Amino acid sequence: MQAKDVQVANHVDWRRAGAGYLKKCRYCPETIYMTVGWDGVWRPYESWAAHNVNENEWVLHHCR
């Protein structure tokens, strides 16, 4: 994903009161979705916006 695409997706999610945001993984070139769980811990997930998983599929991100 381009940086502008990430900014737009984050803005749309923020407007929906989302609890996470898109960012580039610091260990690989993939775009990931960071979200906070009920326990207060931030976890990285594969991104729907980057087409890494199907929509409504929650898969933890593991660098390849």
PDB file of N, CA and C in Angstrom:
ATOM      1  N   MET A   1       0.836  -1.182   0.000  1.00  0.00           N
ATOM      2  CA  MET A   1       0.000   0.000   0.000  1.00  0.00           C
ATOM      3  C   MET A   1       0.878   1.241   0.000  1.00  0.00           C
ATOM      4  N   GLN A   2       0.411   2.261  -0.674  1.00  0.00           N
ATOM      5  CA  GLN A   2       1.106   3.542  -0.679  1.00  0.00           C
ATOM      6  C   GLN A   2       0.809   4.283   0.629  1.00  0.00           C
ATOM      7  N   ALA A   3       1.704   5.187   1.013  1.00  0.00           N
ATOM      8  CA  ALA A   3       1.540   5.944   2.253  1.00  0.00           C
ATOM      9  C   ALA A   3       0.219   6.705   2.273  1.00  0.00           C
ATOM     10  N   LYS A   4      -0.191   7.274   1.138  1.00  0.00           N
ATOM     11  CA  LYS A   4      -1.455   8.020   1.069  1.00  0.00           C
ATOM     12  C   LYS A   4      -2.644   7.086   1.304  1.00  0.00           C
ATOM     13  N   ASP A   5      -2.588   5.864   0.767  1.00  0.00           N
ATOM     14  CA  ASP A   5      -3.658   4.893   0.979  1.00  0.00           C
ATOM     15  C   ASP A   5      -3.794   4.532   2.454  1.00  0.00           C
ATOM     16  N   VAL A   6      -2.658   4.391   3.141  1.00  0.00           N
ATOM     17  CA  VAL A   6      -2.668   4.091   4.572  1.00  0.00           C
ATOM     18  C   VAL A   6      -3.298   5.250   5.334  1.00  0.00           C
ATOM     19  N   GLN A   7      -2.955   6.487   4.999  1.00  0.00           N
ATOM     20  CA  GLN A   7      -3.529   7.653   5.673  1.00  0.00           C
ATOM     21  C   GLN A   7      -5.041   7.707   5.488  1.00  0.00           C
ATOM     22  N   VAL A   8      -5.518   7.469   4.282  1.00  0.00           N
ATOM     23  CA  VAL A   8      -6.956   7.506   4.006  1.00  0.00           C
ATOM     24  C   VAL A   8      -7.675   6.405   4.787  1.00  0.00           C
ATOM     25  N   ALA A   9      -7.136   5.192   4.768  1.00  0.00           N
ATOM     26  CA  ALA A   9      -7.767   4.083   5.486  1.00  0.00           C
ATOM     27  C   ALA A   9      -7.798   4.350   6.986  1.00  0.00           C
ATOM     28  N   ASN A  10      -6.727   4.919   7.540  1.00  0.00           N
ATOM     29  CA  ASN A  10      -6.706   5.242   8.965  1.00  0.00           C
ATOM     30  C   ASN A  10      -7.738   6.314   9.300  1.00  0.00           C
ATOM     31  N   HIS A  11      -7.899   7.301   8.426  1.00  0.00           N
ATOM     32  CA  HIS A  11      -8.883   8.352   8.662  1.00  0.00           C
ATOM     33  C   HIS A  11     -10.302   7.777   8.638  1.00  0.00           C
ATOM     34  N   VAL A  12     -10.592   6.918   7.674  1.00  0.00           N
ATOM     35  CA  VAL A  12     -11.912   6.303   7.581  1.00  0.00           C
ATOM     36  C   VAL A  12     -12.179   5.465   8.828  1.00  0.00           C
ATOM     37  N   ASP A  13     -11.195   4.684   9.273  1.00  0.00           N
ATOM     38  CA  ASP A  13     -11.360   3.851  10.464  1.00  0.00           C
ATOM     39  C   ASP A  13     -11.552   4.717  11.703  1.00  0.00           C
ATOM     40  N   TRP A  14     -10.819   5.822  11.803  1.00  0.00           N
ATOM     41  CA  TRP A  14     -10.953   6.731  12.942  1.00  0.00           C
ATOM     42  C   TRP A  14     -12.358   7.319  12.989  1.00  0.00           C
ATOM     43  N   ARG A  15     -12.909   7.668  11.819  1.00  0.00           N
ATOM     44  CA  ARG A  15     -14.262   8.229  11.759  1.00  0.00           C
ATOM     45  C   ARG A  15     -15.301   7.208  12.212  1.00  0.00           C
ATOM     46  N   ARG A  16     -14.985   5.920  12.054  1.00  0.00           N
ATOM     47  CA  ARG A  16     -15.900   4.858  12.493  1.00  0.00           C
ATOM     48  C   ARG A  16     -15.644   4.469  13.951  1.00  0.00           C
ATOM     49  N   ALA A  17     -14.795   5.219  14.657  1.00  0.00           N
ATOM     50  CA  ALA A  17     -14.425   4.928  16.047  1.00  0.00           C
ATOM     51  C   ALA A  17     -13.671   3.607  16.137  1.00  0.00           C
ATOM     52  N   GLY A  18     -12.786   3.372  15.182  1.00  0.00           N
ATOM     53  CA  GLY A  18     -11.987   2.154  15.180  1.00  0.00           C
ATOM     54  C   GLY A  18     -10.974   2.144  16.316  1.00  0.00           C
ATOM     55  N   ALA A  19     -10.611   0.952  16.740  1.00  0.00           N
ATOM     56  CA  ALA A  19      -9.666   0.802  17.846  1.00  0.00           C
ATOM     57  C   ALA A  19      -8.288   0.395  17.347  1.00  0.00           C
ATOM     58  N   GLY A  20      -7.986   0.699  16.089  1.00  0.00           N
ATOM     59  CA  GLY A  20      -6.700   0.312  15.549  1.00  0.00           C
ATOM     60  C   GLY A  20      -6.301   1.205  14.395  1.00  0.00           C
ATOM     61  N   TYR A  21      -5.165   0.855  13.780  1.00  0.00           N
ATOM     62  CA  TYR A  21      -4.654   1.654  12.663  1.00  0.00           C
ATOM     63  C   TYR A  21      -3.734   0.813  11.804  1.00  0.00           C
ATOM     64  N   LEU A  22      -3.579   1.231  10.549  1.00  0.00           N
ATOM     65  CA  LEU A  22      -2.662   0.581   9.625  1.00  0.00           C
ATOM     66  C   LEU A  22      -1.270   1.177   9.760  1.00  0.00           C
ATOM     67  N   LYS A  23      -0.261   0.351   9.561  1.00  0.00           N
ATOM     68  CA  LYS A  23       1.121   0.821   9.541  1.00  0.00           C
ATOM     69  C   LYS A  23       1.977  -0.211   8.835  1.00  0.00           C
ATOM     70  N   LYS A  24       3.188   0.195   8.462  1.00  0.00           N
ATOM     71  CA  LYS A  24       4.148  -0.746   7.885  1.00  0.00           C
ATOM     72  C   LYS A  24       4.806  -1.512   9.032  1.00  0.00           C
ATOM     73  N   CYS A  25       4.966  -2.808   8.839  1.00  0.00           N
ATOM     74  CA  CYS A  25       5.671  -3.620   9.833  1.00  0.00           C
ATOM     75  C   CYS A  25       7.123  -3.156   9.886  1.00  0.00           C
ATOM     76  N   ARG A  26       7.687  -3.096  11.069  1.00  0.00           N
ATOM     77  CA  ARG A  26       9.078  -2.631  11.172  1.00  0.00           C
ATOM     78  C   ARG A  26      10.094  -3.714  10.802  1.00  0.00           C
ATOM     79  N   TYR A  27       9.616  -4.948  10.650  1.00  0.00           N
ATOM     80  CA  TYR A  27      10.537  -6.043  10.347  1.00  0.00           C
ATOM     81  C   TYR A  27      10.412  -6.580   8.918  1.00  0.00           C
ATOM     82  N   CYS A  28       9.324  -6.245   8.240  1.00  0.00           N
ATOM     83  CA  CYS A  28       9.137  -6.679   6.857  1.00  0.00           C
ATOM     84  C   CYS A  28       8.370  -5.582   6.121  1.00  0.00           C
ATOM     85  N   PRO A  29       8.237  -5.658   4.799  1.00  0.00           N
ATOM     86  CA  PRO A  29       7.601  -4.569   4.049  1.00  0.00           C
ATOM     87  C   PRO A  29       6.066  -4.604   4.043  1.00  0.00           C
ATOM     88  N   GLU A  30       5.425  -5.509   4.761  1.00  0.00           N
ATOM     89  CA  GLU A  30       3.969  -5.654   4.740  1.00  0.00           C
ATOM     90  C   GLU A  30       3.258  -4.540   5.497  1.00  0.00           C
ATOM     91  N   THR A  31       2.044  -4.204   5.033  1.00  0.00           N
ATOM     92  CA  THR A  31       1.163  -3.299   5.769  1.00  0.00           C
ATOM     93  C   THR A  31       0.360  -4.146   6.740  1.00  0.00           C
ATOM     94  N   ILE A  32       0.336  -3.759   8.006  1.00  0.00           N
ATOM     95  CA  ILE A  32      -0.369  -4.517   9.037  1.00  0.00           C
ATOM     96  C   ILE A  32      -1.396  -3.630   9.724  1.00  0.00           C
ATOM     97  N   TYR A  33      -2.310  -4.256  10.453  1.00  0.00           N
ATOM     98  CA  TYR A  33      -3.326  -3.539  11.215  1.00  0.00           C
ATOM     99  C   TYR A  33      -3.025  -3.767  12.688  1.00  0.00           C
ATOM    100  N   MET A  34      -2.751  -2.685  13.399  1.00  0.00           N
ATOM    101  CA  MET A  34      -2.491  -2.748  14.836  1.00  0.00           C
ATOM    102  C   MET A  34      -3.789  -2.449  15.564  1.00  0.00           C
ATOM    103  N   THR A  35      -4.155  -3.309  16.506  1.00  0.00           N
ATOM    104  CA  THR A  35      -5.353  -3.074  17.304  1.00  0.00           C
ATOM    105  C   THR A  35      -5.113  -3.518  18.733  1.00  0.00           C
ATOM    106  N   VAL A  36      -5.816  -2.889  19.640  1.00  0.00           N
ATOM    107  CA  VAL A  36      -5.676  -3.188  21.061  1.00  0.00           C
ATOM    108  C   VAL A  36      -6.781  -4.160  21.464  1.00  0.00           C
ATOM    109  N   GLY A  37      -6.398  -5.193  22.212  1.00  0.00           N
ATOM    110  CA  GLY A  37      -7.360  -6.196  22.661  1.00  0.00           C
ATOM    111  C   GLY A  37      -8.040  -5.782  23.956  1.00  0.00           C
ATOM    112  N   TRP A  38      -8.944  -6.621  24.407  1.00  0.00           N
ATOM    113  CA  TRP A  38      -9.661  -6.343  25.656  1.00  0.00           C
ATOM    114  C   TRP A  38      -8.722  -6.277  26.851  1.00  0.00           C
ATOM    115  N   ASP A  39      -7.554  -6.925  26.739  1.00  0.00           N
ATOM    116  CA  ASP A  39      -6.583  -6.933  27.838  1.00  0.00           C
ATOM    117  C   ASP A  39      -5.634  -5.740  27.794  1.00  0.00           C
ATOM    118  N   GLY A  40      -5.811  -4.845  26.817  1.00  0.00           N
ATOM    119  CA  GLY A  40      -4.986  -3.649  26.730  1.00  0.00           C
ATOM    120  C   GLY A  40      -3.674  -3.839  25.986  1.00  0.00           C
ATOM    121  N   VAL A  41      -3.467  -5.011  25.388  1.00  0.00           N
ATOM    122  CA  VAL A  41      -2.229  -5.305  24.660  1.00  0.00           C
ATOM    123  C   VAL A  41      -2.443  -5.048  23.172  1.00  0.00           C
ATOM    124  N   TRP A  42      -1.498  -4.317  22.542  1.00  0.00           N
ATOM    125  CA  TRP A  42      -1.550  -4.054  21.097  1.00  0.00           C
ATOM    126  C   TRP A  42      -1.008  -5.262  20.367  1.00  0.00           C
ATOM    127  N   ARG A  43      -1.725  -5.710  19.327  1.00  0.00           N
ATOM    128  CA  ARG A  43      -1.303  -6.859  18.540  1.00  0.00           C
ATOM    129  C   ARG A  43      -1.364  -6.538  17.049  1.00  0.00           C
ATOM    130  N   PRO A  44      -0.420  -7.107  16.262  1.00  0.00           N
ATOM    131  CA  PRO A  44      -0.427  -6.892  14.811  1.00  0.00           C
ATOM    132  C   PRO A  44      -1.242  -7.975  14.108  1.00  0.00           C
ATOM    133  N   TYR A  45      -2.102  -7.550  13.193  1.00  0.00           N
ATOM    134  CA  TYR A  45      -2.907  -8.470  12.382  1.00  0.00           C
ATOM    135  C   TYR A  45      -2.641  -8.206  10.907  1.00  0.00           C
ATOM    136  N   GLU A  46      -2.878  -9.217  10.087  1.00  0.00           N
ATOM    137  CA  GLU A  46      -2.806  -9.030   8.645  1.00  0.00           C
ATOM    138  C   GLU A  46      -3.883  -8.028   8.247  1.00  0.00           C
ATOM    139  N   SER A  47      -3.627  -7.247   7.210  1.00  0.00           N
ATOM    140  CA  SER A  47      -4.520  -6.161   6.825  1.00  0.00           C
ATOM    141  C   SER A  47      -5.496  -6.549   5.728  1.00  0.00           C
ATOM    142  N   TRP A  48      -6.788  -6.238   5.928  1.00  0.00           N
ATOM    143  CA  TRP A  48      -7.787  -6.420   4.870  1.00  0.00           C
ATOM    144  C   TRP A  48      -7.543  -5.403   3.773  1.00  0.00           C
ATOM    145  N   ALA A  49      -7.215  -4.174   4.175  1.00  0.00           N
ATOM    146  CA  ALA A  49      -7.022  -3.090   3.204  1.00  0.00           C
ATOM    147  C   ALA A  49      -5.872  -3.392   2.248  1.00  0.00           C
ATOM    148  N   ALA A  50      -4.853  -4.091   2.720  1.00  0.00           N
ATOM    149  CA  ALA A  50      -3.711  -4.449   1.877  1.00  0.00           C
ATOM    150  C   ALA A  50      -3.941  -5.770   1.143  1.00  0.00           C
ATOM    151  N   HIS A  51      -5.132  -6.352   1.324  1.00  0.00           N
ATOM    152  CA  HIS A  51      -5.520  -7.602   0.656  1.00  0.00           C
ATOM    153  C   HIS A  51      -4.629  -8.776   1.061  1.00  0.00           C
ATOM    154  N   ASN A  52      -4.185  -8.784   2.316  1.00  0.00           N
ATOM    155  CA  ASN A  52      -3.394  -9.912   2.817  1.00  0.00           C
ATOM    156  C   ASN A  52      -4.278 -11.033   3.342  1.00  0.00           C
ATOM    157  N   VAL A  53      -5.522 -10.708   3.719  1.00  0.00           N
ATOM    158  CA  VAL A  53      -6.513 -11.686   4.179  1.00  0.00           C
ATOM    159  C   VAL A  53      -7.879 -11.241   3.660  1.00  0.00           C
ATOM    160  N   ASN A  54      -8.856 -12.113   3.759  1.00  0.00           N
ATOM    161  CA  ASN A  54     -10.221 -11.762   3.381  1.00  0.00           C
ATOM    162  C   ASN A  54     -10.827 -10.837   4.431  1.00  0.00           C
ATOM    163  N   GLU A  55     -11.800 -10.037   4.018  1.00  0.00           N
ATOM    164  CA  GLU A  55     -12.455  -9.127   4.954  1.00  0.00           C
ATOM    165  C   GLU A  55     -13.120  -9.927   6.071  1.00  0.00           C
ATOM    166  N   ASN A  56     -13.062  -9.387   7.294  1.00  0.00           N
ATOM    167  CA  ASN A  56     -13.596 -10.005   8.517  1.00  0.00           C
ATOM    168  C   ASN A  56     -12.831 -11.257   8.934  1.00  0.00           C
ATOM    169  N   GLU A  57     -11.631 -11.437   8.429  1.00  0.00           N
ATOM    170  CA  GLU A  57     -10.769 -12.545   8.842  1.00  0.00           C
ATOM    171  C   GLU A  57      -9.653 -11.955   9.706  1.00  0.00           C
ATOM    172  N   TRP A  58      -9.489 -12.477  10.916  1.00  0.00           N
ATOM    173  CA  TRP A  58      -8.487 -11.960  11.852  1.00  0.00           C
ATOM    174  C   TRP A  58      -7.349 -12.968  11.966  1.00  0.00           C
ATOM    175  N   VAL A  59      -6.211 -12.616  11.382  1.00  0.00           N
ATOM    176  CA  VAL A  59      -5.029 -13.483  11.403  1.00  0.00           C
ATOM    177  C   VAL A  59      -3.875 -12.679  11.968  1.00  0.00           C
ATOM    178  N   LEU A  60      -3.251 -13.167  13.026  1.00  0.00           N
ATOM    179  CA  LEU A  60      -2.095 -12.480  13.584  1.00  0.00           C
ATOM    180  C   LEU A  60      -0.987 -12.414  12.543  1.00  0.00           C
ATOM    181  N   HIS A  61      -0.300 -11.289  12.511  1.00  0.00           N
ATOM    182  CA  HIS A  61       0.797 -11.104  11.554  1.00  0.00           C
ATOM    183  C   HIS A  61       2.060 -11.750  12.087  1.00  0.00           C
ATOM    184  N   HIS A  62       2.671 -12.538  11.253  1.00  0.00           N
ATOM    185  CA  HIS A  62       3.987 -13.129  11.532  1.00  0.00           C
ATOM    186  C   HIS A  62       4.838 -12.839  10.309  1.00  0.00           C
ATOM    187  N   CYS A  63       5.975 -12.194  10.500  1.00  0.00           N
ATOM    188  CA  CYS A  63       6.849 -11.872   9.360  1.00  0.00           C
ATOM    189  C   CYS A  63       7.251 -13.149   8.635  1.00  0.00           C
ATOM    190  N   ARG A  64       7.222 -13.047   7.316  1.00  0.00           N
ATOM    191  CA  ARG A  64       7.563 -14.227   6.514  1.00  0.00           C
ATOM    192  C   ARG A  64       9.045 -14.349   6.341  1.00  0.00           C
TER     193      ARG A  64
END
